[in-house]
């Protein structure tokens, strides 16, 4: 059975984050560029304000007008 460490060893240990004031388009572009499906979100010095997934970010209610590539 694989562990979280096994996944990190395979995918790498880089951590990409986004600021809470970033646009949904910026977030989805970063996820696409980096080949990741979710981003930790930071806000006001907080190390983790939440997590934004690609699925949630691409929902029509959040992404009106975003290019869906």
C-alpha atoms as a PDB file:
ATOM      1  CA  UNK A   1       0.000   0.000   0.000  1.00  0.00           C
ATOM      2  CA  UNK A   2       1.357   3.405  -0.968  1.00  0.00           C
ATOM      3  CA  UNK A   3       1.848   6.152   1.581  1.00  0.00           C
ATOM      4  CA  UNK A   4       1.716   9.935   1.241  1.00  0.00           C
ATOM      5  CA  UNK A   5       5.519   9.860   1.327  1.00  0.00           C
ATOM      6  CA  UNK A   6       5.541   7.513  -1.667  1.00  0.00           C
ATOM      7  CA  UNK A   7       3.413   9.973  -3.641  1.00  0.00           C
ATOM      8  CA  UNK A   8       5.662  12.912  -2.701  1.00  0.00           C
ATOM      9  CA  UNK A   9       8.756  10.940  -3.630  1.00  0.00           C
ATOM     10  CA  UNK A  10       7.238  10.288  -7.043  1.00  0.00           C
ATOM     11  CA  UNK A  11       5.631  13.694  -7.753  1.00  0.00           C
ATOM     12  CA  UNK A  12       8.163  15.901  -5.962  1.00  0.00           C
ATOM     13  CA  UNK A  13       8.184  18.077  -2.884  1.00  0.00           C
ATOM     14  CA  UNK A  14       7.423  21.470  -4.469  1.00  0.00           C
ATOM     15  CA  UNK A  15       4.510  23.296  -2.880  1.00  0.00           C
ATOM     16  CA  UNK A  16       2.612  25.847  -4.944  1.00  0.00           C
ATOM     17  CA  UNK A  17       0.257  28.226  -3.137  1.00  0.00           C
ATOM     18  CA  UNK A  18      -1.938  31.145  -4.110  1.00  0.00           C
ATOM     19  CA  UNK A  19      -3.019  34.273  -2.266  1.00  0.00           C
ATOM     20  CA  UNK A  20      -6.708  34.632  -1.389  1.00  0.00           C
ATOM     21  CA  UNK A  21      -6.873  37.855  -3.431  1.00  0.00           C
ATOM     22  CA  UNK A  22      -5.793  36.098  -6.639  1.00  0.00           C
ATOM     23  CA  UNK A  23      -8.376  35.557  -9.355  1.00  0.00           C
ATOM     24  CA  UNK A  24      -9.910  32.191 -10.136  1.00  0.00           C
ATOM     25  CA  UNK A  25      -8.352  32.465 -13.582  1.00  0.00           C
ATOM     26  CA  UNK A  26      -4.874  32.935 -12.042  1.00  0.00           C
ATOM     27  CA  UNK A  27      -5.439  29.905  -9.828  1.00  0.00           C
ATOM     28  CA  UNK A  28      -6.600  27.642 -12.662  1.00  0.00           C
ATOM     29  CA  UNK A  29      -3.717  28.820 -14.869  1.00  0.00           C
ATOM     30  CA  UNK A  30      -1.192  27.989 -12.135  1.00  0.00           C
ATOM     31  CA  UNK A  31      -2.751  24.557 -11.639  1.00  0.00           C
ATOM     32  CA  UNK A  32      -2.630  23.904 -15.387  1.00  0.00           C
ATOM     33  CA  UNK A  33       0.957  25.155 -15.718  1.00  0.00           C
ATOM     34  CA  UNK A  34       2.173  23.015 -12.816  1.00  0.00           C
ATOM     35  CA  UNK A  35       0.059  19.920 -13.519  1.00  0.00           C
ATOM     36  CA  UNK A  36      -1.654  20.004 -10.139  1.00  0.00           C
ATOM     37  CA  UNK A  37      -5.307  19.691  -9.144  1.00  0.00           C
ATOM     38  CA  UNK A  38      -5.497  21.872  -6.041  1.00  0.00           C
ATOM     39  CA  UNK A  39      -3.795  24.818  -4.362  1.00  0.00           C
ATOM     40  CA  UNK A  40      -3.421  25.772  -0.721  1.00  0.00           C
ATOM     41  CA  UNK A  41      -4.740  29.336  -0.260  1.00  0.00           C
ATOM     42  CA  UNK A  42      -3.051  31.797   2.108  1.00  0.00           C
ATOM     43  CA  UNK A  43      -4.555  34.988   3.474  1.00  0.00           C
ATOM     44  CA  UNK A  44      -3.299  37.735   5.758  1.00  0.00           C
ATOM     45  CA  UNK A  45      -0.275  35.889   7.061  1.00  0.00           C
ATOM     46  CA  UNK A  46      -2.241  32.714   7.699  1.00  0.00           C
ATOM     47  CA  UNK A  47      -0.309  29.740   6.356  1.00  0.00           C
ATOM     48  CA  UNK A  48      -3.525  28.008   5.283  1.00  0.00           C
ATOM     49  CA  UNK A  49      -6.839  29.747   4.772  1.00  0.00           C
ATOM     50  CA  UNK A  50      -8.234  26.951   2.608  1.00  0.00           C
ATOM     51  CA  UNK A  51      -7.713  24.754  -0.416  1.00  0.00           C
ATOM     52  CA  UNK A  52      -8.973  25.524  -3.914  1.00  0.00           C
ATOM     53  CA  UNK A  53      -9.450  22.516  -6.171  1.00  0.00           C
ATOM     54  CA  UNK A  54      -9.509  22.624  -9.952  1.00  0.00           C
ATOM     55  CA  UNK A  55     -12.988  21.106  -9.910  1.00  0.00           C
ATOM     56  CA  UNK A  56     -14.367  23.825  -7.648  1.00  0.00           C
ATOM     57  CA  UNK A  57     -12.539  26.628  -9.447  1.00  0.00           C
ATOM     58  CA  UNK A  58     -13.962  25.580 -12.812  1.00  0.00           C
ATOM     59  CA  UNK A  59     -17.562  25.466 -11.577  1.00  0.00           C
ATOM     60  CA  UNK A  60     -19.643  27.972 -13.577  1.00  0.00           C
ATOM     61  CA  UNK A  61     -20.701  29.873 -10.453  1.00  0.00           C
ATOM     62  CA  UNK A  62     -17.061  30.770  -9.701  1.00  0.00           C
ATOM     63  CA  UNK A  63     -15.590  30.924 -13.165  1.00  0.00           C
ATOM     64  CA  UNK A  64     -17.949  33.014 -15.272  1.00  0.00           C
ATOM     65  CA  UNK A  65     -15.937  34.146 -18.256  1.00  0.00           C
ATOM     66  CA  UNK A  66     -12.868  32.035 -17.502  1.00  0.00           C
ATOM     67  CA  UNK A  67     -11.370  30.218 -20.453  1.00  0.00           C
ATOM     68  CA  UNK A  68     -11.933  26.513 -19.951  1.00  0.00           C
ATOM     69  CA  UNK A  69      -8.897  24.955 -21.617  1.00  0.00           C
END
